[in-house]
Amino acid sequence: MDPIKYFTFSMIISISGIRGILLNRRNIPIMSMPIESMLLDVNVNFLVFSVSSDDMMGQSFASLIPTVAAAESAIGLAIFVITFRVRGTIVVEFINSIQG
């Protein structure tokens, strides 16, 4: 197994996720999709490191990442619903009262 091509693929996913967060600042649900792709990037890295070093810890961590992604999606959806009920929109430009 050649890990370099998998790390390259993972790096491409990570760069596209960062680019997606920086370029899509208008709508909150669209901003959360690149975060999910970056979690996929971390998952690929865990699996490649695990297989290349013959260790099961990376695979066990990779099985926990979908749980973290599901929790993040549930909390994000709850924030979307509450924000929409209070403000009437989820466009980022109109949401400045969330800042602490």
PDB file of N, CA and C in Angstrom:
ATOM      1  N   MET A   1       0.846  -1.184   0.000  1.00  0.00           N
ATOM      2  CA  MET A   1       0.000   0.000   0.000  1.00  0.00           C
ATOM      3  C   MET A   1       0.889   1.244   0.000  1.00  0.00           C
ATOM      4  N   ASP A   2       0.583   2.131  -0.889  1.00  0.00           N
ATOM      5  CA  ASP A   2       1.330   3.382  -0.983  1.00  0.00           C
ATOM      6  C   ASP A   2       0.550   4.483  -0.259  1.00  0.00           C
ATOM      7  N   PRO A   3       0.991   4.899   0.943  1.00  0.00           N
ATOM      8  CA  PRO A   3       0.210   5.886   1.700  1.00  0.00           C
ATOM      9  C   PRO A   3       0.287   7.292   1.131  1.00  0.00           C
ATOM     10  N   ILE A   4       1.257   7.566   0.257  1.00  0.00           N
ATOM     11  CA  ILE A   4       1.419   8.930  -0.252  1.00  0.00           C
ATOM     12  C   ILE A   4       0.193   9.382  -1.051  1.00  0.00           C
ATOM     13  N   LYS A   5      -0.358   8.495  -1.871  1.00  0.00           N
ATOM     14  CA  LYS A   5      -1.525   8.906  -2.662  1.00  0.00           C
ATOM     15  C   LYS A   5      -2.757   9.115  -1.784  1.00  0.00           C
ATOM     16  N   TYR A   6      -2.856   8.353  -0.685  1.00  0.00           N
ATOM     17  CA  TYR A   6      -3.984   8.561   0.228  1.00  0.00           C
ATOM     18  C   TYR A   6      -3.823   9.858   1.011  1.00  0.00           C
ATOM     19  N   PHE A   7      -2.577  10.173   1.406  1.00  0.00           N
ATOM     20  CA  PHE A   7      -2.341  11.442   2.087  1.00  0.00           C
ATOM     21  C   PHE A   7      -2.566  12.620   1.157  1.00  0.00           C
ATOM     22  N   THR A   8      -2.235  12.449  -0.113  1.00  0.00           N
ATOM     23  CA  THR A   8      -2.495  13.499  -1.098  1.00  0.00           C
ATOM     24  C   THR A   8      -3.997  13.717  -1.258  1.00  0.00           C
ATOM     25  N   PHE A   9      -4.743  12.619  -1.345  1.00  0.00           N
ATOM     26  CA  PHE A   9      -6.200  12.709  -1.425  1.00  0.00           C
ATOM     27  C   PHE A   9      -6.770  13.390  -0.184  1.00  0.00           C
ATOM     28  N   SER A  10      -6.239  13.035   0.977  1.00  0.00           N
ATOM     29  CA  SER A  10      -6.689  13.625   2.228  1.00  0.00           C
ATOM     30  C   SER A  10      -6.366  15.115   2.279  1.00  0.00           C
ATOM     31  N   MET A  11      -5.192  15.496   1.770  1.00  0.00           N
ATOM     32  CA  MET A  11      -4.813  16.892   1.757  1.00  0.00           C
ATOM     33  C   MET A  11      -5.725  17.688   0.818  1.00  0.00           C
ATOM     34  N   ILE A  12      -6.097  17.104  -0.309  1.00  0.00           N
ATOM     35  CA  ILE A  12      -7.005  17.772  -1.243  1.00  0.00           C
ATOM     36  C   ILE A  12      -8.371  17.991  -0.590  1.00  0.00           C
ATOM     37  N   ILE A  13      -8.857  16.990   0.134  1.00  0.00           N
ATOM     38  CA  ILE A  13     -10.141  17.135   0.831  1.00  0.00           C
ATOM     39  C   ILE A  13     -10.047  18.232   1.887  1.00  0.00           C
ATOM     40  N   SER A  14      -8.935  18.271   2.618  1.00  0.00           N
ATOM     41  CA  SER A  14      -8.758  19.274   3.662  1.00  0.00           C
ATOM     42  C   SER A  14      -8.685  20.681   3.080  1.00  0.00           C
ATOM     43  N   ILE A  15      -7.946  20.845   1.993  1.00  0.00           N
ATOM     44  CA  ILE A  15      -7.834  22.169   1.379  1.00  0.00           C
ATOM     45  C   ILE A  15      -9.177  22.619   0.811  1.00  0.00           C
ATOM     46  N   SER A  16      -9.927  21.694   0.222  1.00  0.00           N
ATOM     47  CA  SER A  16     -11.246  22.070  -0.291  1.00  0.00           C
ATOM     48  C   SER A  16     -12.214  22.399   0.847  1.00  0.00           C
ATOM     49  N   GLY A  17     -12.064  21.735   1.995  1.00  0.00           N
ATOM     50  CA  GLY A  17     -12.897  22.069   3.147  1.00  0.00           C
ATOM     51  C   GLY A  17     -12.590  23.445   3.697  1.00  0.00           C
ATOM     52  N   ILE A  18     -11.304  23.778   3.808  1.00  0.00           N
ATOM     53  CA  ILE A  18     -10.923  25.112   4.273  1.00  0.00           C
ATOM     54  C   ILE A  18     -11.391  26.171   3.281  1.00  0.00           C
ATOM     55  N   ARG A  19     -11.230  25.874   2.000  1.00  0.00           N
ATOM     56  CA  ARG A  19     -11.684  26.804   0.958  1.00  0.00           C
ATOM     57  C   ARG A  19     -13.199  26.995   1.024  1.00  0.00           C
ATOM     58  N   GLY A  20     -13.927  25.894   1.276  1.00  0.00           N
ATOM     59  CA  GLY A  20     -15.381  25.987   1.376  1.00  0.00           C
ATOM     60  C   GLY A  20     -15.840  26.829   2.546  1.00  0.00           C
ATOM     61  N   ILE A  21     -15.134  26.733   3.669  1.00  0.00           N
ATOM     62  CA  ILE A  21     -15.499  27.549   4.824  1.00  0.00           C
ATOM     63  C   ILE A  21     -15.206  29.019   4.553  1.00  0.00           C
ATOM     64  N   LEU A  22     -14.068  29.300   3.924  1.00  0.00           N
ATOM     65  CA  LEU A  22     -13.693  30.696   3.690  1.00  0.00           C
ATOM     66  C   LEU A  22     -14.534  31.362   2.609  1.00  0.00           C
ATOM     67  N   LEU A  23     -14.967  30.607   1.608  1.00  0.00           N
ATOM     68  CA  LEU A  23     -15.696  31.210   0.492  1.00  0.00           C
ATOM     69  C   LEU A  23     -17.205  31.246   0.683  1.00  0.00           C
ATOM     70  N   ASN A  24     -17.766  30.330   1.446  1.00  0.00           N
ATOM     71  CA  ASN A  24     -19.225  30.254   1.605  1.00  0.00           C
ATOM     72  C   ASN A  24     -19.634  30.795   2.957  1.00  0.00           C
ATOM     73  N   ARG A  25     -19.607  32.081   3.104  1.00  0.00           N
ATOM     74  CA  ARG A  25     -19.973  32.689   4.379  1.00  0.00           C
ATOM     75  C   ARG A  25     -21.349  33.334   4.353  1.00  0.00           C
ATOM     76  N   ARG A  26     -22.193  32.902   3.464  1.00  0.00           N
ATOM     77  CA  ARG A  26     -23.502  33.523   3.362  1.00  0.00           C
ATOM     78  C   ARG A  26     -24.593  32.696   4.033  1.00  0.00           C
ATOM     79  N   ASN A  27     -24.459  31.392   4.059  1.00  0.00           N
ATOM     80  CA  ASN A  27     -25.517  30.529   4.563  1.00  0.00           C
ATOM     81  C   ASN A  27     -24.919  29.516   5.530  1.00  0.00           C
ATOM     82  N   ILE A  28     -25.507  29.395   6.695  1.00  0.00           N
ATOM     83  CA  ILE A  28     -24.941  28.548   7.738  1.00  0.00           C
ATOM     84  C   ILE A  28     -24.942  27.064   7.363  1.00  0.00           C
ATOM     85  N   PRO A  29     -26.006  26.497   6.796  1.00  0.00           N
ATOM     86  CA  PRO A  29     -25.932  25.070   6.441  1.00  0.00           C
ATOM     87  C   PRO A  29     -24.853  24.763   5.402  1.00  0.00           C
ATOM     88  N   ILE A  30     -24.635  25.678   4.490  1.00  0.00           N
ATOM     89  CA  ILE A  30     -23.586  25.470   3.500  1.00  0.00           C
ATOM     90  C   ILE A  30     -22.216  25.594   4.154  1.00  0.00           C
ATOM     91  N   MET A  31     -22.086  26.389   5.206  1.00  0.00           N
ATOM     92  CA  MET A  31     -20.825  26.492   5.926  1.00  0.00           C
ATOM     93  C   MET A  31     -20.520  25.229   6.728  1.00  0.00           C
ATOM     94  N   SER A  32     -21.551  24.473   7.114  1.00  0.00           N
ATOM     95  CA  SER A  32     -21.304  23.267   7.909  1.00  0.00           C
ATOM     96  C   SER A  32     -20.901  22.067   7.048  1.00  0.00           C
ATOM     97  N   MET A  33     -21.195  22.103   5.765  1.00  0.00           N
ATOM     98  CA  MET A  33     -20.818  20.978   4.897  1.00  0.00           C
ATOM     99  C   MET A  33     -19.307  20.814   4.746  1.00  0.00           C
ATOM    100  N   PRO A  34     -18.517  21.881   4.591  1.00  0.00           N
ATOM    101  CA  PRO A  34     -17.068  21.680   4.541  1.00  0.00           C
ATOM    102  C   PRO A  34     -16.482  21.134   5.841  1.00  0.00           C
ATOM    103  N   ILE A  35     -17.119  21.430   6.964  1.00  0.00           N
ATOM    104  CA  ILE A  35     -16.655  20.865   8.227  1.00  0.00           C
ATOM    105  C   ILE A  35     -16.813  19.355   8.214  1.00  0.00           C
ATOM    106  N   GLU A  36     -17.912  18.878   7.649  1.00  0.00           N
ATOM    107  CA  GLU A  36     -18.116  17.433   7.526  1.00  0.00           C
ATOM    108  C   GLU A  36     -17.070  16.804   6.608  1.00  0.00           C
ATOM    109  N   SER A  37     -16.710  17.509   5.541  1.00  0.00           N
ATOM    110  CA  SER A  37     -15.678  16.957   4.654  1.00  0.00           C
ATOM    111  C   SER A  37     -14.315  16.948   5.337  1.00  0.00           C
ATOM    112  N   MET A  38     -14.057  17.905   6.221  1.00  0.00           N
ATOM    113  CA  MET A  38     -12.801  17.886   6.958  1.00  0.00           C
ATOM    114  C   MET A  38     -12.775  16.756   7.982  1.00  0.00           C
ATOM    115  N   LEU A  39     -13.925  16.402   8.528  1.00  0.00           N
ATOM    116  CA  LEU A  39     -13.985  15.217   9.389  1.00  0.00           C
ATOM    117  C   LEU A  39     -13.711  13.950   8.583  1.00  0.00           C
ATOM    118  N   LEU A  40     -14.165  13.912   7.346  1.00  0.00           N
ATOM    119  CA  LEU A  40     -13.840  12.801   6.464  1.00  0.00           C
ATOM    120  C   LEU A  40     -12.345  12.740   6.221  1.00  0.00           C
ATOM    121  N   ASP A  41     -11.717  13.882   6.076  1.00  0.00           N
ATOM    122  CA  ASP A  41     -10.267  13.948   5.896  1.00  0.00           C
ATOM    123  C   ASP A  41      -9.538  13.351   7.098  1.00  0.00           C
ATOM    124  N   VAL A  42      -9.971  13.695   8.278  1.00  0.00           N
ATOM    125  CA  VAL A  42      -9.355  13.136   9.492  1.00  0.00           C
ATOM    126  C   VAL A  42      -9.566  11.631   9.549  1.00  0.00           C
ATOM    127  N   ASN A  43     -10.738  11.187   9.145  1.00  0.00           N
ATOM    128  CA  ASN A  43     -11.040   9.764   9.133  1.00  0.00           C
ATOM    129  C   ASN A  43     -10.124   8.998   8.175  1.00  0.00           C
ATOM    130  N   VAL A  44      -9.902   9.549   6.993  1.00  0.00           N
ATOM    131  CA  VAL A  44      -8.997   8.917   6.022  1.00  0.00           C
ATOM    132  C   VAL A  44      -7.581   8.863   6.577  1.00  0.00           C
ATOM    133  N   ASN A  45      -7.142   9.938   7.229  1.00  0.00           N
ATOM    134  CA  ASN A  45      -5.803   9.938   7.816  1.00  0.00           C
ATOM    135  C   ASN A  45      -5.657   8.874   8.896  1.00  0.00           C
ATOM    136  N   PHE A  46      -6.650   8.753   9.764  1.00  0.00           N
ATOM    137  CA  PHE A  46      -6.598   7.717  10.793  1.00  0.00           C
ATOM    138  C   PHE A  46      -6.499   6.327  10.179  1.00  0.00           C
ATOM    139  N   LEU A  47      -7.297   6.075   9.158  1.00  0.00           N
ATOM    140  CA  LEU A  47      -7.284   4.750   8.536  1.00  0.00           C
ATOM    141  C   LEU A  47      -5.966   4.461   7.834  1.00  0.00           C
ATOM    142  N   VAL A  48      -5.411   5.437   7.145  1.00  0.00           N
ATOM    143  CA  VAL A  48      -4.145   5.214   6.437  1.00  0.00           C
ATOM    144  C   VAL A  48      -3.008   4.995   7.430  1.00  0.00           C
ATOM    145  N   PHE A  49      -2.951   5.807   8.484  1.00  0.00           N
ATOM    146  CA  PHE A  49      -1.919   5.596   9.494  1.00  0.00           C
ATOM    147  C   PHE A  49      -2.075   4.248  10.176  1.00  0.00           C
ATOM    148  N   SER A  50      -3.297   3.846  10.410  1.00  0.00           N
ATOM    149  CA  SER A  50      -3.547   2.570  11.065  1.00  0.00           C
ATOM    150  C   SER A  50      -3.107   1.397  10.205  1.00  0.00           C
ATOM    151  N   VAL A  51      -3.443   1.436   8.939  1.00  0.00           N
ATOM    152  CA  VAL A  51      -3.079   0.334   8.047  1.00  0.00           C
ATOM    153  C   VAL A  51      -1.581   0.313   7.789  1.00  0.00           C
ATOM    154  N   SER A  52      -0.976   1.484   7.640  1.00  0.00           N
ATOM    155  CA  SER A  52       0.453   1.505   7.324  1.00  0.00           C
ATOM    156  C   SER A  52       1.324   1.130   8.510  1.00  0.00           C
ATOM    157  N   SER A  53       0.843   1.314   9.727  1.00  0.00           N
ATOM    158  CA  SER A  53       1.638   0.951  10.901  1.00  0.00           C
ATOM    159  C   SER A  53       1.155  -0.333  11.577  1.00  0.00           C
ATOM    160  N   ASP A  54       0.188  -1.024  10.996  1.00  0.00           N
ATOM    161  CA  ASP A  54      -0.373  -2.265  11.542  1.00  0.00           C
ATOM    162  C   ASP A  54      -0.838  -2.104  12.989  1.00  0.00           C
ATOM    163  N   ASP A  55      -1.569  -1.037  13.230  1.00  0.00           N
ATOM    164  CA  ASP A  55      -2.085  -0.750  14.561  1.00  0.00           C
ATOM    165  C   ASP A  55      -3.596  -0.572  14.458  1.00  0.00           C
ATOM    166  N   MET A  56      -4.324  -1.080  15.433  1.00  0.00           N
ATOM    167  CA  MET A  56      -5.788  -1.009  15.397  1.00  0.00           C
ATOM    168  C   MET A  56      -6.353   0.271  16.015  1.00  0.00           C
ATOM    169  N   MET A  57      -5.508   1.095  16.652  1.00  0.00           N
ATOM    170  CA  MET A  57      -6.013   2.299  17.304  1.00  0.00           C
ATOM    171  C   MET A  57      -6.605   3.281  16.301  1.00  0.00           C
ATOM    172  N   GLY A  58      -5.975   3.430  15.145  1.00  0.00           N
ATOM    173  CA  GLY A  58      -6.503   4.343  14.137  1.00  0.00           C
ATOM    174  C   GLY A  58      -7.863   3.906  13.636  1.00  0.00           C
ATOM    175  N   GLN A  59      -8.053   2.608  13.502  1.00  0.00           N
ATOM    176  CA  GLN A  59      -9.353   2.113  13.045  1.00  0.00           C
ATOM    177  C   GLN A  59     -10.412   2.295  14.114  1.00  0.00           C
ATOM    178  N   SER A  60     -10.025   2.174  15.379  1.00  0.00           N
ATOM    179  CA  SER A  60     -11.012   2.401  16.438  1.00  0.00           C
ATOM    180  C   SER A  60     -11.381   3.884  16.523  1.00  0.00           C
ATOM    181  N   PHE A  61     -10.403   4.772  16.330  1.00  0.00           N
ATOM    182  CA  PHE A  61     -10.720   6.197  16.297  1.00  0.00           C
ATOM    183  C   PHE A  61     -11.578   6.529  15.083  1.00  0.00           C
ATOM    184  N   ALA A  62     -11.305   5.880  13.963  1.00  0.00           N
ATOM    185  CA  ALA A  62     -12.082   6.129  12.749  1.00  0.00           C
ATOM    186  C   ALA A  62     -13.527   5.684  12.916  1.00  0.00           C
ATOM    187  N   SER A  63     -13.767   4.716  13.765  1.00  0.00           N
ATOM    188  CA  SER A  63     -15.151   4.304  14.004  1.00  0.00           C
ATOM    189  C   SER A  63     -15.885   5.285  14.919  1.00  0.00           C
ATOM    190  N   LEU A  64     -15.144   6.115  15.669  1.00  0.00           N
ATOM    191  CA  LEU A  64     -15.779   7.091  16.547  1.00  0.00           C
ATOM    192  C   LEU A  64     -16.097   8.412  15.845  1.00  0.00           C
ATOM    193  N   ILE A  65     -15.451   8.678  14.733  1.00  0.00           N
ATOM    194  CA  ILE A  65     -15.648   9.956  14.045  1.00  0.00           C
ATOM    195  C   ILE A  65     -17.073  10.129  13.516  1.00  0.00           C
ATOM    196  N   PRO A  66     -17.737   9.093  12.970  1.00  0.00           N
ATOM    197  CA  PRO A  66     -19.148   9.303  12.585  1.00  0.00           C
ATOM    198  C   PRO A  66     -20.043   9.688  13.760  1.00  0.00           C
ATOM    199  N   THR A  67     -19.708   9.242  14.969  1.00  0.00           N
ATOM    200  CA  THR A  67     -20.470   9.649  16.145  1.00  0.00           C
ATOM    201  C   THR A  67     -20.294  11.134  16.414  1.00  0.00           C
ATOM    202  N   VAL A  68     -19.069  11.615  16.300  1.00  0.00           N
ATOM    203  CA  VAL A  68     -18.802  13.042  16.488  1.00  0.00           C
ATOM    204  C   VAL A  68     -19.497  13.857  15.402  1.00  0.00           C
ATOM    205  N   ALA A  69     -19.467  13.360  14.166  1.00  0.00           N
ATOM    206  CA  ALA A  69     -20.128  14.071  13.069  1.00  0.00           C
ATOM    207  C   ALA A  69     -21.638  14.125  13.275  1.00  0.00           C
ATOM    208  N   ALA A  70     -22.224  13.051  13.774  1.00  0.00           N
ATOM    209  CA  ALA A  70     -23.670  13.051  14.022  1.00  0.00           C
ATOM    210  C   ALA A  70     -24.032  14.016  15.150  1.00  0.00           C
ATOM    211  N   ALA A  71     -23.217  14.058  16.195  1.00  0.00           N
ATOM    212  CA  ALA A  71     -23.480  14.990  17.291  1.00  0.00           C
ATOM    213  C   ALA A  71     -23.334  16.435  16.826  1.00  0.00           C
ATOM    214  N   GLU A  72     -22.321  16.694  16.004  1.00  0.00           N
ATOM    215  CA  GLU A  72     -22.121  18.043  15.475  1.00  0.00           C
ATOM    216  C   GLU A  72     -23.288  18.459  14.585  1.00  0.00           C
ATOM    217  N   SER A  73     -23.787  17.543  13.780  1.00  0.00           N
ATOM    218  CA  SER A  73     -24.922  17.851  12.912  1.00  0.00           C
ATOM    219  C   SER A  73     -26.186  18.099  13.717  1.00  0.00           C
ATOM    220  N   ALA A  74     -26.395  17.334  14.774  1.00  0.00           N
ATOM    221  CA  ALA A  74     -27.587  17.524  15.597  1.00  0.00           C
ATOM    222  C   ALA A  74     -27.553  18.864  16.320  1.00  0.00           C
ATOM    223  N   ILE A  75     -26.398  19.219  16.870  1.00  0.00           N
ATOM    224  CA  ILE A  75     -26.281  20.510  17.567  1.00  0.00           C
ATOM    225  C   ILE A  75     -26.409  21.658  16.573  1.00  0.00           C
ATOM    226  N   GLY A  76     -25.799  21.514  15.408  1.00  0.00           N
ATOM    227  CA  GLY A  76     -25.910  22.550  14.386  1.00  0.00           C
ATOM    228  C   GLY A  76     -27.337  22.739  13.915  1.00  0.00           C
ATOM    229  N   LEU A  77     -28.053  21.640  13.718  1.00  0.00           N
ATOM    230  CA  LEU A  77     -29.453  21.740  13.290  1.00  0.00           C
ATOM    231  C   LEU A  77     -30.304  22.410  14.361  1.00  0.00           C
ATOM    232  N   ALA A  78     -30.038  22.115  15.630  1.00  0.00           N
ATOM    233  CA  ALA A  78     -30.777  22.777  16.706  1.00  0.00           C
ATOM    234  C   ALA A  78     -30.501  24.276  16.717  1.00  0.00           C
ATOM    235  N   ILE A  79     -29.238  24.657  16.480  1.00  0.00           N
ATOM    236  CA  ILE A  79     -28.910  26.083  16.418  1.00  0.00           C
ATOM    237  C   ILE A  79     -29.595  26.738  15.229  1.00  0.00           C
ATOM    238  N   PHE A  80     -29.649  26.045  14.087  1.00  0.00           N
ATOM    239  CA  PHE A  80     -30.331  26.590  12.907  1.00  0.00           C
ATOM    240  C   PHE A  80     -31.801  26.842  13.201  1.00  0.00           C
ATOM    241  N   VAL A  81     -32.457  25.865  13.823  1.00  0.00           N
ATOM    242  CA  VAL A  81     -33.896  25.981  14.087  1.00  0.00           C
ATOM    243  C   VAL A  81     -34.169  27.119  15.064  1.00  0.00           C
ATOM    244  N   ILE A  82     -33.386  27.214  16.124  1.00  0.00           N
ATOM    245  CA  ILE A  82     -33.593  28.279  17.104  1.00  0.00           C
ATOM    246  C   ILE A  82     -33.335  29.648  16.482  1.00  0.00           C
ATOM    247  N   THR A  83     -32.264  29.737  15.688  1.00  0.00           N
ATOM    248  CA  THR A  83     -31.959  31.010  15.032  1.00  0.00           C
ATOM    249  C   THR A  83     -33.051  31.400  14.051  1.00  0.00           C
ATOM    250  N   PHE A  84     -33.578  30.441  13.316  1.00  0.00           N
ATOM    251  CA  PHE A  84     -34.650  30.747  12.359  1.00  0.00           C
ATOM    252  C   PHE A  84     -35.913  31.179  13.086  1.00  0.00           C
ATOM    253  N   ARG A  85     -36.209  30.562  14.222  1.00  0.00           N
ATOM    254  CA  ARG A  85     -37.407  30.959  14.964  1.00  0.00           C
ATOM    255  C   ARG A  85     -37.279  32.362  15.536  1.00  0.00           C
ATOM    256  N   VAL A  86     -36.083  32.705  16.011  1.00  0.00           N
ATOM    257  CA  VAL A  86     -35.900  34.017  16.631  1.00  0.00           C
ATOM    258  C   VAL A  86     -35.756  35.111  15.582  1.00  0.00           C
ATOM    259  N   ARG A  87     -34.908  34.897  14.567  1.00  0.00           N
ATOM    260  CA  ARG A  87     -34.578  35.935  13.589  1.00  0.00           C
ATOM    261  C   ARG A  87     -35.420  35.881  12.323  1.00  0.00           C
ATOM    262  N   GLY A  88     -35.902  34.704  11.966  1.00  0.00           N
ATOM    263  CA  GLY A  88     -36.659  34.569  10.733  1.00  0.00           C
ATOM    264  C   GLY A  88     -35.786  34.291   9.520  1.00  0.00           C
ATOM    265  N   THR A  89     -34.473  34.216   9.709  1.00  0.00           N
ATOM    266  CA  THR A  89     -33.549  33.916   8.612  1.00  0.00           C
ATOM    267  C   THR A  89     -32.306  33.236   9.191  1.00  0.00           C
ATOM    268  N   ILE A  90     -31.628  32.489   8.330  1.00  0.00           N
ATOM    269  CA  ILE A  90     -30.366  31.886   8.765  1.00  0.00           C
ATOM    270  C   ILE A  90     -29.205  32.378   7.915  1.00  0.00           C
ATOM    271  N   VAL A  91     -29.393  33.515   7.268  1.00  0.00           N
ATOM    272  CA  VAL A  91     -28.320  34.129   6.491  1.00  0.00           C
ATOM    273  C   VAL A  91     -27.314  34.733   7.467  1.00  0.00           C
ATOM    274  N   VAL A  92     -26.051  34.470   7.250  1.00  0.00           N
ATOM    275  CA  VAL A  92     -25.012  34.859   8.194  1.00  0.00           C
ATOM    276  C   VAL A  92     -24.890  36.373   8.333  1.00  0.00           C
ATOM    277  N   GLU A  93     -25.151  37.116   7.284  1.00  0.00           N
ATOM    278  CA  GLU A  93     -24.999  38.568   7.343  1.00  0.00           C
ATOM    279  C   GLU A  93     -25.943  39.217   8.354  1.00  0.00           C
ATOM    280  N   PHE A  94     -27.100  38.610   8.584  1.00  0.00           N
ATOM    281  CA  PHE A  94     -28.080  39.181   9.493  1.00  0.00           C
ATOM    282  C   PHE A  94     -27.945  38.663  10.919  1.00  0.00           C
ATOM    283  N   ILE A  95     -27.042  37.750  11.150  1.00  0.00           N
ATOM    284  CA  ILE A  95     -26.898  37.169  12.482  1.00  0.00           C
ATOM    285  C   ILE A  95     -25.633  37.749  13.105  1.00  0.00           C
ATOM    286  N   ASN A  96     -25.782  38.801  13.877  1.00  0.00           N
ATOM    287  CA  ASN A  96     -24.652  39.352  14.588  1.00  0.00           C
ATOM    288  C   ASN A  96     -24.878  39.366  16.087  1.00  0.00           C
ATOM    289  N   SER A  97     -26.035  38.905  16.541  1.00  0.00           N
ATOM    290  CA  SER A  97     -26.319  38.883  17.966  1.00  0.00           C
ATOM    291  C   SER A  97     -25.801  37.617  18.641  1.00  0.00           C
ATOM    292  N   ILE A  98     -25.305  36.655  17.870  1.00  0.00           N
ATOM    293  CA  ILE A  98     -24.777  35.412  18.452  1.00  0.00           C
ATOM    294  C   ILE A  98     -23.401  35.647  19.063  1.00  0.00           C
ATOM    295  N   GLN A  99     -22.711  36.669  18.596  1.00  0.00           N
ATOM    296  CA  GLN A  99     -21.361  36.934  19.092  1.00  0.00           C
ATOM    297  C   GLN A  99     -21.414  37.271  20.569  1.00  0.00           C
ATOM    298  N   GLY A 100     -20.459  36.693  21.330  1.00  0.00           N
ATOM    299  CA  GLY A 100     -20.432  36.852  22.771  1.00  0.00           C
ATOM    300  C   GLY A 100     -19.819  38.130  23.139  1.00  0.00           C
TER     301      GLY A 100
END
